[in-house]
Amino acid sequence: MLVRENGELAEMKQVGSMGEDALRELLVKQPALLAGDHPNIGIAEHWIVVKRETANLTIDEQVESTWSRNHLFIDQYGIPTLVDVHTGIEARSRHEHLGQMLELWANLPTYWPLNTIRSLFEENCAAKGLLPEQVLALFLQLEFNPEVFWDRVHTNLLAGKARLLFVAEQIGYELRQTVDFMSRQFETAEVMAMEVKQYNGEGVRSLVTRVYG
């Protein structure tokens, strides 16, 4: 139920799937959703979009990469946040997404060195008609110092410090268990899965998130 200002209740009903494309677009437009309802991930309250659905990256041109489904965000502490959005819950799909995320994390400094990340961020800003300096100033606010920020990003990259986030409208039991296990084993990466469910009612739309891990 949604409580209106006049105290009346508006019934909210869960609606069907919004689809992967819509969910990806939503996260790019509203990165704050990445915080979900998790008390720890909430420490990071702001993200900038470096690249959405990152282009296939590979050192060996003979090997095809399937990382194009991953978004790359960076939080205010310079920690890379890799976001995988999917709707498939089949075992094969789940295994592919887990494997791709781990491979990407392991190769971050190689595939996305600092100069590449900065270039991707600047290209993303240019595509929106924005100036990178202004975007960073608004993002960092009182702590605005671009070079200090990018130095933090570089340090985190070299240390393997990152956040791995699987986003779907339904997180199955197996993925929840896997994410929970990984989050307890990894020292330099936060591993989480987040459900995003959609509810409509009387002209109002609500998004409810739940974070595992």
Protein backbone atom coordinates (compact mmCIF):
# COMPACT_ATOMS: atom_id res chain seq x y z
CA MET A 1 0.00 0.00 0.00
CA LEU A 2 1.05 3.57 -0.69
CA VAL A 3 0.00 6.25 1.81
CA ARG A 4 -1.05 9.49 0.12
CA GLU A 5 -0.63 12.93 1.72
CA ASN A 6 -4.31 12.97 2.67
CA GLY A 7 -3.88 9.71 4.58
CA GLU A 8 -5.71 7.56 2.03
CA LEU A 9 -4.22 4.28 0.88
CA ALA A 10 -3.49 3.47 -2.73
CA GLU A 11 -3.23 -0.20 -3.59
CA MET A 12 0.01 -1.15 -5.37
CA LYS A 13 0.16 -4.32 -7.46
CA GLN A 14 3.27 -6.00 -8.75
CA VAL A 15 3.40 -5.89 -12.53
CA GLY A 16 5.13 -8.09 -15.04
CA SER A 17 8.70 -7.93 -16.23
CA MET A 18 10.03 -4.58 -17.41
CA GLY A 19 12.69 -6.39 -19.45
CA GLU A 20 16.48 -6.27 -19.41
CA ASP A 21 16.78 -3.22 -21.66
CA ALA A 22 14.41 -1.14 -19.53
CA LEU A 23 16.18 -2.22 -16.33
CA ARG A 24 19.59 -1.32 -17.78
CA GLU A 25 18.31 2.08 -18.87
CA LEU A 26 16.79 2.69 -15.45
CA LEU A 27 20.10 2.05 -13.67
CA VAL A 28 21.97 4.38 -16.02
CA LYS A 29 19.44 7.17 -15.45
CA GLN A 30 19.14 6.55 -11.70
CA PRO A 31 22.44 5.12 -10.37
CA ALA A 32 21.27 5.76 -6.81
CA LEU A 33 19.18 2.59 -7.15
CA LEU A 34 22.44 0.66 -6.85
CA ALA A 35 22.43 1.33 -3.10
CA GLY A 36 19.29 -0.77 -2.75
CA ASP A 37 18.28 -1.54 0.83
CA HIS A 38 21.67 -2.84 1.92
CA PRO A 39 23.17 -1.13 5.02
CA ASN A 40 26.78 -1.56 3.83
CA ILE A 41 26.47 -0.72 0.16
CA GLY A 42 24.59 2.36 1.29
CA ILE A 43 27.96 3.81 2.36
CA ALA A 44 28.41 4.54 -1.34
CA GLU A 45 25.56 6.87 -2.17
CA HIS A 46 26.70 8.29 -5.48
CA TRP A 47 27.92 6.83 -8.74
CA ILE A 48 29.02 8.18 -12.07
CA VAL A 49 28.39 6.22 -15.24
CA VAL A 50 31.67 5.40 -16.97
CA LYS A 51 30.27 3.17 -19.66
CA ARG A 52 26.97 1.43 -20.23
CA GLU A 53 26.93 -2.02 -21.81
CA THR A 54 30.67 -1.80 -22.27
CA ALA A 55 32.01 -2.57 -25.69
CA ASN A 56 33.66 -5.94 -26.21
CA LEU A 57 37.23 -5.72 -24.92
CA THR A 58 39.97 -8.21 -25.57
CA ILE A 59 43.74 -8.32 -25.76
CA ASP A 60 43.69 -11.30 -28.10
CA GLU A 61 41.72 -10.32 -31.20
CA GLN A 62 41.08 -14.00 -31.90
CA VAL A 63 39.09 -14.34 -28.69
CA GLU A 64 35.61 -12.85 -28.65
CA SER A 65 34.52 -11.16 -25.43
CA THR A 66 30.90 -11.17 -24.27
CA TRP A 67 31.25 -8.44 -21.67
CA SER A 68 29.01 -6.03 -23.56
CA ARG A 69 26.22 -6.63 -21.03
CA ASN A 70 28.13 -5.10 -18.15
CA HIS A 71 27.79 -1.51 -16.96
CA LEU A 72 30.76 0.19 -15.34
CA PHE A 73 30.11 2.73 -12.58
CA ILE A 74 32.49 4.37 -10.11
CA ASP A 75 31.39 5.47 -6.65
CA GLN A 76 32.51 8.59 -4.77
CA TYR A 77 35.41 6.67 -3.24
CA GLY A 78 36.80 5.71 -6.62
CA ILE A 79 35.70 2.08 -6.35
CA PRO A 80 34.73 0.49 -9.69
CA THR A 81 31.26 -1.03 -9.63
CA LEU A 82 30.58 -3.70 -12.24
CA VAL A 83 26.87 -4.22 -12.83
CA ASP A 84 25.49 -7.24 -14.65
CA VAL A 85 21.80 -7.02 -15.59
CA HIS A 86 19.94 -10.14 -16.65
CA THR A 87 16.56 -11.81 -16.42
CA GLY A 88 17.52 -15.41 -17.11
CA ILE A 89 17.44 -17.75 -14.10
CA GLU A 90 18.44 -20.96 -15.91
CA ALA A 91 21.61 -22.65 -14.66
CA ARG A 92 23.52 -22.09 -17.90
CA SER A 93 22.67 -18.40 -17.97
CA ARG A 94 23.59 -18.02 -14.31
CA HIS A 95 26.93 -19.77 -14.80
CA GLU A 96 27.78 -17.60 -17.81
CA HIS A 97 27.04 -14.38 -15.95
CA LEU A 98 29.05 -15.44 -12.90
CA GLY A 99 32.01 -16.52 -15.00
CA GLN A 100 32.03 -13.36 -17.11
CA MET A 101 31.87 -11.14 -14.05
CA LEU A 102 34.79 -12.90 -12.35
CA GLU A 103 36.86 -12.82 -15.53
CA LEU A 104 36.19 -9.13 -15.99
CA TRP A 105 37.08 -8.33 -12.37
CA ALA A 106 40.31 -10.33 -12.59
CA ASN A 107 41.36 -8.44 -15.73
CA LEU A 108 40.21 -4.93 -14.80
CA PRO A 109 43.68 -3.29 -14.67
CA THR A 110 44.52 -4.85 -18.03
CA TYR A 111 41.33 -4.25 -19.96
CA TRP A 112 40.35 -0.99 -18.27
CA PRO A 113 43.50 0.89 -17.18
CA LEU A 114 42.98 4.34 -15.75
CA ASN A 115 43.49 6.21 -19.03
CA THR A 116 40.87 4.02 -20.72
CA ILE A 117 38.37 4.58 -17.91
CA ARG A 118 38.89 8.35 -18.06
CA SER A 119 38.44 8.31 -21.82
CA LEU A 120 35.24 6.24 -21.55
CA PHE A 121 33.86 8.63 -18.94
CA GLU A 122 34.67 11.66 -21.10
CA GLU A 123 33.09 10.03 -24.16
CA ASN A 124 29.97 9.23 -22.17
CA CYS A 125 29.72 12.86 -21.02
CA ALA A 126 30.27 14.15 -24.55
CA ALA A 127 27.50 11.89 -25.88
CA LYS A 128 25.13 13.61 -23.44
CA GLY A 129 26.41 17.09 -24.27
CA LEU A 130 27.99 17.47 -20.84
CA LEU A 131 31.43 18.66 -19.73
CA PRO A 132 33.36 16.01 -17.73
CA GLU A 133 34.69 18.67 -15.34
CA GLN A 134 31.18 19.86 -14.50
CA VAL A 135 29.90 16.31 -14.02
CA LEU A 136 32.75 15.51 -11.63
CA ALA A 137 32.30 18.79 -9.74
CA LEU A 138 28.63 18.00 -9.13
CA PHE A 139 29.47 14.39 -8.28
CA LEU A 140 32.28 15.08 -5.81
CA GLN A 141 30.84 18.35 -4.45
CA LEU A 142 32.92 19.62 -1.49
CA GLU A 143 35.67 17.08 -2.10
CA PHE A 144 36.08 18.14 -5.71
CA ASN A 145 39.60 17.39 -6.84
CA PRO A 146 39.63 15.43 -10.12
CA GLU A 147 43.23 14.26 -9.88
CA VAL A 148 42.83 12.98 -6.32
CA PHE A 149 39.67 11.16 -7.39
CA TRP A 150 41.32 9.51 -10.40
CA ASP A 151 44.33 8.57 -8.24
CA ARG A 152 41.92 6.72 -5.95
CA VAL A 153 40.43 4.91 -8.93
CA HIS A 154 43.91 3.88 -10.07
CA THR A 155 44.85 2.62 -6.60
CA ASN A 156 41.66 0.58 -6.36
CA LEU A 157 42.19 -0.91 -9.80
CA LEU A 158 45.69 -2.09 -8.95
CA ALA A 159 44.50 -3.51 -5.61
CA GLY A 160 41.61 -5.40 -7.23
CA LYS A 161 39.16 -3.43 -5.11
CA ALA A 162 35.76 -3.45 -6.76
CA ARG A 163 32.06 -4.05 -6.29
CA LEU A 164 30.39 -6.84 -8.27
CA LEU A 165 26.63 -6.44 -8.48
CA PHE A 166 24.17 -8.76 -10.22
CA VAL A 167 20.82 -7.08 -10.91
CA ALA A 168 17.64 -8.85 -11.95
CA GLU A 169 13.92 -8.73 -11.35
CA GLN A 170 14.21 -12.10 -9.64
CA ILE A 171 17.26 -13.49 -7.86
CA GLY A 172 17.04 -17.27 -7.56
CA TYR A 173 18.12 -19.33 -4.56
CA GLU A 174 21.28 -20.66 -6.23
CA LEU A 175 22.54 -17.20 -7.15
CA ARG A 176 21.77 -15.88 -3.66
CA GLN A 177 23.79 -18.71 -2.12
CA THR A 178 26.67 -18.21 -4.55
CA VAL A 179 26.79 -14.46 -3.97
CA ASP A 180 26.69 -14.94 -0.21
CA PHE A 181 29.56 -17.45 -0.39
CA MET A 182 31.65 -15.20 -2.65
CA SER A 183 31.08 -12.16 -0.45
CA ARG A 184 32.52 -14.06 2.52
CA GLN A 185 35.56 -15.32 0.61
CA PHE A 186 36.76 -12.24 -1.26
CA GLU A 187 38.79 -9.65 0.61
CA THR A 188 38.99 -6.88 -1.99
CA ALA A 189 35.59 -7.15 -3.68
CA GLU A 190 32.03 -6.69 -2.48
CA VAL A 191 29.74 -9.21 -4.20
CA MET A 192 26.01 -8.68 -4.15
CA ALA A 193 22.82 -9.44 -6.03
CA MET A 194 19.86 -7.07 -6.16
CA GLU A 195 16.24 -7.68 -7.07
CA VAL A 196 14.27 -4.81 -8.56
CA LYS A 197 10.51 -5.30 -8.56
CA GLN A 198 7.98 -2.91 -10.08
CA TYR A 199 4.58 -1.98 -8.65
CA ASN A 200 1.85 0.19 -10.18
CA GLY A 201 -1.28 1.69 -8.71
CA GLU A 202 -3.53 4.64 -9.45
CA GLY A 203 -1.05 6.46 -11.66
CA VAL A 204 1.86 5.82 -9.30
CA ARG A 205 4.88 3.63 -10.03
CA SER A 206 7.05 2.19 -7.29
CA LEU A 207 10.34 0.29 -7.46
CA VAL A 208 11.22 -2.00 -4.56
CA THR A 209 14.78 -3.31 -4.25
CA ARG A 210 16.24 -6.08 -2.16
CA VAL A 211 19.97 -6.76 -1.86
CA TYR A 212 21.56 -10.13 -1.12
CA GLY A 213 25.14 -10.74 -0.06
